[in-house]
C-alpha atoms as a PDB file:
ATOM      1  CA  MET A   1      -0.574  -0.049  -0.321  1.00  0.00           C
ATOM      2  CA  ILE A   2       0.957   3.617  -0.336  1.00  0.00           C
ATOM      3  CA  ASP A   3       1.282   6.592   1.271  1.00  0.00           C
ATOM      4  CA  THR A   4      -2.801   8.163   1.497  1.00  0.00           C
ATOM      5  CA  GLY A   5      -1.140  11.496   0.582  1.00  0.00           C
ATOM      6  CA  ASN A   6      -0.189  10.356  -3.139  1.00  0.00           C
ATOM      7  CA  THR A   7      -3.316   8.912  -3.688  1.00  0.00           C
ATOM      8  CA  GLN A   8      -4.819  11.117  -5.650  1.00  0.00           C
ATOM      9  CA  ALA A   9      -2.302  11.929  -7.692  1.00  0.00           C
ATOM     10  CA  ILE A  10      -2.255   7.739  -8.352  1.00  0.00           C
ATOM     11  CA  VAL A  11      -5.896   8.169  -9.415  1.00  0.00           C
ATOM     12  CA  GLN A  12      -5.684  10.978 -11.272  1.00  0.00           C
ATOM     13  CA  GLU A  13      -2.565   9.181 -12.962  1.00  0.00           C
ATOM     14  CA  ILE A  14      -4.229   6.009 -13.925  1.00  0.00           C
ATOM     15  CA  THR A  15      -7.747   7.876 -14.853  1.00  0.00           C
ATOM     16  CA  SER A  16      -5.698  10.187 -17.311  1.00  0.00           C
ATOM     17  CA  ALA A  17      -4.143   6.801 -18.605  1.00  0.00           C
ATOM     18  CA  LEU A  18      -7.502   4.249 -18.782  1.00  0.00           C
ATOM     19  CA  LYS A  19     -10.430   7.227 -19.226  1.00  0.00           C
ATOM     20  CA  ASP A  20     -10.261   7.169 -23.222  1.00  0.00           C
ATOM     21  CA  LYS A  21     -10.713   3.272 -23.412  1.00  0.00           C
ATOM     22  CA  PRO A  22     -13.413   1.526 -24.039  1.00  0.00           C
ATOM     23  CA  GLY A  23     -15.267   0.641 -20.963  1.00  0.00           C
ATOM     24  CA  ALA A  24     -12.524   2.645 -18.980  1.00  0.00           C
ATOM     25  CA  LEU A  25     -14.253   2.408 -16.040  1.00  0.00           C
ATOM     26  CA  LEU A  26     -13.295  -1.164 -14.736  1.00  0.00           C
ATOM     27  CA  PRO A  27     -10.174  -1.144 -15.874  1.00  0.00           C
ATOM     28  CA  ILE A  28      -9.581   2.091 -13.722  1.00  0.00           C
ATOM     29  CA  LEU A  29     -11.364   0.779 -10.700  1.00  0.00           C
ATOM     30  CA  HIS A  30      -8.784  -2.204 -11.219  1.00  0.00           C
ATOM     31  CA  GLY A  31      -5.873   0.201 -11.179  1.00  0.00           C
ATOM     32  CA  VAL A  32      -6.770   2.642  -8.131  1.00  0.00           C
ATOM     33  CA  GLN A  33      -6.945  -0.700  -6.191  1.00  0.00           C
ATOM     34  CA  ASP A  34      -4.234  -2.591  -7.193  1.00  0.00           C
ATOM     35  CA  ALA A  35      -1.860   0.503  -6.852  1.00  0.00           C
ATOM     36  CA  ILE A  36      -3.508   2.118  -3.293  1.00  0.00           C
ATOM     37  CA  GLY A  37      -5.466  -1.265  -1.837  1.00  0.00           C
ATOM     38  CA  TYR A  38      -8.381   0.448  -2.199  1.00  0.00           C
ATOM     39  CA  ILE A  39     -10.744   2.540  -3.914  1.00  0.00           C
ATOM     40  CA  PRO A  40     -11.204   5.721  -1.719  1.00  0.00           C
ATOM     41  CA  ALA A  41     -14.456   7.463  -1.731  1.00  0.00           C
ATOM     42  CA  ASP A  42     -12.772  10.952  -2.352  1.00  0.00           C
ATOM     43  CA  SER A  43     -11.741   9.894  -5.649  1.00  0.00           C
ATOM     44  CA  VAL A  44     -14.843   8.575  -6.847  1.00  0.00           C
ATOM     45  CA  PRO A  45     -16.176  12.431  -7.961  1.00  0.00           C
ATOM     46  CA  ASP A  46     -12.626  12.894  -9.977  1.00  0.00           C
ATOM     47  CA  ILE A  47     -13.656   8.969 -11.804  1.00  0.00           C
ATOM     48  CA  ALA A  48     -17.128  10.329 -12.809  1.00  0.00           C
ATOM     49  CA  LYS A  49     -16.068  13.401 -13.804  1.00  0.00           C
ATOM     50  CA  ALA A  50     -13.270  11.985 -16.187  1.00  0.00           C
ATOM     51  CA  LEU A  51     -15.306   9.498 -17.891  1.00  0.00           C
ATOM     52  CA  ASN A  52     -18.582  11.449 -17.421  1.00  0.00           C
ATOM     53  CA  LEU A  53     -20.548   9.790 -15.178  1.00  0.00           C
ATOM     54  CA  SER A  54     -22.322  10.218 -12.399  1.00  0.00           C
ATOM     55  CA  ARG A  55     -21.046   9.652  -8.816  1.00  0.00           C
ATOM     56  CA  ALA A  56     -23.653   7.435  -7.877  1.00  0.00           C
ATOM     57  CA  GLU A  57     -22.770   5.183 -11.224  1.00  0.00           C
ATOM     58  CA  VAL A  58     -19.255   5.141  -9.947  1.00  0.00           C
ATOM     59  CA  HIS A  59     -20.411   4.031  -6.854  1.00  0.00           C
ATOM     60  CA  GLY A  60     -22.927   1.452  -7.740  1.00  0.00           C
ATOM     61  CA  VAL A  61     -20.194  -0.255  -9.517  1.00  0.00           C
ATOM     62  CA  ILE A  62     -17.971  -0.019  -7.005  1.00  0.00           C
ATOM     63  CA  SER A  63     -21.038  -1.598  -4.589  1.00  0.00           C
ATOM     64  CA  PHE A  64     -21.689  -3.699  -6.677  1.00  0.00           C
ATOM     65  CA  TYR A  65     -18.339  -5.757  -7.505  1.00  0.00           C
ATOM     66  CA  HIS A  66     -17.606  -7.621  -4.269  1.00  0.00           C
ATOM     67  CA  TYR A  67     -14.004  -7.435  -5.391  1.00  0.00           C
ATOM     68  CA  PHE A  68     -13.465  -3.526  -4.504  1.00  0.00           C
ATOM     69  CA  ARG A  69     -13.022  -1.960  -1.459  1.00  0.00           C
ATOM     70  CA  ASP A  70     -13.970   1.579  -0.233  1.00  0.00           C
ATOM     71  CA  THR A  71     -11.779   0.919   2.933  1.00  0.00           C
ATOM     72  CA  PRO A  72      -8.139   0.034   3.262  1.00  0.00           C
ATOM     73  CA  PRO A  73      -7.266  -4.003   3.683  1.00  0.00           C
ATOM     74  CA  GLY A  74      -5.498  -5.859   6.348  1.00  0.00           C
ATOM     75  CA  GLN A  75      -1.493  -6.336   6.229  1.00  0.00           C
ATOM     76  CA  HIS A  76      -2.795  -9.667   4.703  1.00  0.00           C
ATOM     77  CA  THR A  77      -5.545 -10.327   2.711  1.00  0.00           C
ATOM     78  CA  ILE A  78      -7.310 -14.079   3.054  1.00  0.00           C
ATOM     79  CA  ASN A  79      -8.998 -14.926   0.406  1.00  0.00           C
ATOM     80  CA  LEU A  80     -11.456 -18.452   1.069  1.00  0.00           C
ATOM     81  CA  CYS A  81     -12.241 -20.081  -1.918  1.00  0.00           C
ATOM     82  CA  ARG A  82     -16.315 -20.989  -1.843  1.00  0.00           C
ATOM     83  CA  ALA A  83     -17.051 -22.536  -5.390  1.00  0.00           C
ATOM     84  CA  GLU A  84     -18.495 -25.978  -5.381  1.00  0.00           C
ATOM     85  CA  SER A  85     -15.499 -28.203  -5.137  1.00  0.00           C
ATOM     86  CA  CYS A  86     -14.199 -26.663  -1.657  1.00  0.00           C
ATOM     87  CA  GLN A  87     -17.991 -27.081  -0.377  1.00  0.00           C
ATOM     88  CA  ALA A  88     -17.756 -30.211  -1.172  1.00  0.00           C
ATOM     89  CA  MET A  89     -14.482 -30.656   0.746  1.00  0.00           C
ATOM     90  CA  GLY A  90     -15.628 -28.577   3.567  1.00  0.00           C
ATOM     91  CA  SER A  91     -14.577 -24.844   3.038  1.00  0.00           C
ATOM     92  CA  LYS A  92     -18.417 -24.055   4.631  1.00  0.00           C
ATOM     93  CA  ALA A  93     -16.593 -25.411   8.091  1.00  0.00           C
ATOM     94  CA  LEU A  94     -13.366 -23.904   7.123  1.00  0.00           C
ATOM     95  CA  GLU A  95     -15.334 -20.566   6.403  1.00  0.00           C
ATOM     96  CA  GLU A  96     -16.592 -20.307   9.915  1.00  0.00           C
ATOM     97  CA  HIS A  97     -14.041 -21.527  11.830  1.00  0.00           C
ATOM     98  CA  ALA A  98     -11.792 -18.415   9.810  1.00  0.00           C
ATOM     99  CA  LYS A  99     -14.413 -16.472  11.132  1.00  0.00           C
ATOM    100  CA  ALA A 100     -14.832 -17.134  14.502  1.00  0.00           C
ATOM    101  CA  LYS A 101     -10.790 -17.547  14.723  1.00  0.00           C
ATOM    102  CA  LEU A 102     -10.377 -14.159  13.806  1.00  0.00           C
ATOM    103  CA  GLY A 103     -13.667 -12.625  15.079  1.00  0.00           C
ATOM    104  CA  ILE A 104     -14.647 -11.209  11.632  1.00  0.00           C
ATOM    105  CA  ASP A 105     -17.008 -11.904   8.789  1.00  0.00           C
ATOM    106  CA  PHE A 106     -16.320 -11.092   5.175  1.00  0.00           C
ATOM    107  CA  HIS A 107     -15.223  -7.923   3.770  1.00  0.00           C
ATOM    108  CA  GLU A 108     -13.960  -7.136   7.198  1.00  0.00           C
ATOM    109  CA  THR A 109     -10.350  -6.530   8.929  1.00  0.00           C
ATOM    110  CA  THR A 110      -9.260  -7.529  12.141  1.00  0.00           C
ATOM    111  CA  PRO A 111      -9.131  -4.193  14.913  1.00  0.00           C
ATOM    112  CA  ASP A 112      -5.662  -4.723  14.854  1.00  0.00           C
ATOM    113  CA  GLY A 113      -5.453  -4.353  10.519  1.00  0.00           C
ATOM    114  CA  LYS A 114      -3.455  -7.314  10.121  1.00  0.00           C
ATOM    115  CA  PHE A 115      -5.817 -10.008   8.681  1.00  0.00           C
ATOM    116  CA  THR A 116      -8.586  -8.722   6.300  1.00  0.00           C
ATOM    117  CA  LEU A 117     -11.198 -11.677   5.313  1.00  0.00           C
ATOM    118  CA  GLU A 118     -12.707 -12.602   1.672  1.00  0.00           C
ATOM    119  CA  ALA A 119     -14.311 -14.922  -0.098  1.00  0.00           C
ATOM    120  CA  VAL A 120     -13.872 -15.921  -3.521  1.00  0.00           C
ATOM    121  CA  TYR A 121     -15.533 -18.181  -6.312  1.00  0.00           C
ATOM    122  CA  CYS A 122     -12.359 -20.145  -7.206  1.00  0.00           C
ATOM    123  CA  LEU A 123      -9.208 -20.093  -7.147  1.00  0.00           C
ATOM    124  CA  GLY A 124      -8.424 -22.851  -9.498  1.00  0.00           C
ATOM    125  CA  ASN A 125      -7.258 -25.389  -6.933  1.00  0.00           C
ATOM    126  CA  CYS A 126      -9.998 -27.322  -6.976  1.00  0.00           C
ATOM    127  CA  ALA A 127      -7.940 -30.565  -7.343  1.00  0.00           C
ATOM    128  CA  CYS A 128      -6.583 -29.550  -3.546  1.00  0.00           C
ATOM    129  CA  SER A 129      -9.890 -28.078  -1.807  1.00  0.00           C
ATOM    130  CA  PRO A 130     -10.296 -26.922   0.319  1.00  0.00           C
ATOM    131  CA  ALA A 131      -8.337 -23.688  -0.604  1.00  0.00           C
ATOM    132  CA  MET A 132      -7.136 -20.535   0.702  1.00  0.00           C
ATOM    133  CA  GLN A 133      -4.778 -17.746  -1.397  1.00  0.00           C
ATOM    134  CA  ILE A 134      -2.941 -15.291   1.163  1.00  0.00           C
ATOM    135  CA  GLY A 135      -1.319 -12.361  -0.677  1.00  0.00           C
ATOM    136  CA  ASN A 136       0.371 -14.737  -4.036  1.00  0.00           C
ATOM    137  CA  ASP A 137       0.210 -17.701  -1.874  1.00  0.00           C
ATOM    138  CA  ILE A 138      -2.370 -20.359  -2.648  1.00  0.00           C
ATOM    139  CA  PHE A 139      -2.815 -23.012  -0.062  1.00  0.00           C
ATOM    140  CA  GLY A 140      -4.676 -26.099  -0.787  1.00  0.00           C
ATOM    141  CA  ARG A 141      -6.494 -28.938   1.303  1.00  0.00           C
ATOM    142  CA  VAL A 142      -6.511 -26.730   3.946  1.00  0.00           C
ATOM    143  CA  SER A 143      -7.697 -27.656   7.147  1.00  0.00           C
ATOM    144  CA  THR A 144      -8.628 -26.021  10.747  1.00  0.00           C
ATOM    145  CA  ASP A 145      -5.648 -26.922  12.171  1.00  0.00           C
ATOM    146  CA  VAL A 146      -3.446 -25.805   8.744  1.00  0.00           C
ATOM    147  CA  PHE A 147      -5.583 -22.526   8.827  1.00  0.00           C
ATOM    148  CA  ASP A 148      -4.048 -21.779  12.221  1.00  0.00           C
ATOM    149  CA  SER A 149      -0.824 -22.211  11.638  1.00  0.00           C
ATOM    150  CA  THR A 150      -0.587 -20.449   8.770  1.00  0.00           C
ATOM    151  CA  ILE A 151      -2.250 -17.225  10.428  1.00  0.00           C
ATOM    152  CA  ALA A 152      -0.009 -17.781  13.483  1.00  0.00           C
ATOM    153  CA  GLU A 153       3.173 -17.814  11.078  1.00  0.00           C
ATOM    154  CA  LEU A 154       1.592 -14.629   9.463  1.00  0.00           C
ATOM    155  CA  GLU A 155       1.228 -13.224  12.677  1.00  0.00           C
ATOM    156  CA  LYS A 156       4.742 -13.637  14.277  1.00  0.00           C
ATOM    157  CA  THR A 157       5.881 -11.660  10.970  1.00  0.00           C
ATOM    158  CA  ALA A 158       3.488  -8.584  11.331  1.00  0.00           C
END
């Protein structure tokens, strides 16, 4: 993530670079989130103006897609797969365990800012279900014990 003092400059740079492309809103939102970690509410008017859209239209897209965040994520984002293969292999129990262990629900961040929990609908690791992703690392055959040990390791480094 970046210094919040630079967010407007980054949003402006991304918007300027992509605004003339067909269907520019989604690439701009992805670019902003990739660069900053979320889409700040104060960037919505600038994005809307650059694309000749209303703020409500931009906000509607941000709130419609679960991928987009309007608050800063935790230091580590945990994506739990909820697709059919993972469900068949126990992801519902893993999901409940993760929520209880972290004390948060999907789309929330722990009070200490270390972990954000997100639902995803396929990590492409179906042969090793249930799966989770933390950062760029994908984990397969995730049990509650594997989840706990992984979180414990991340807490040591955080």
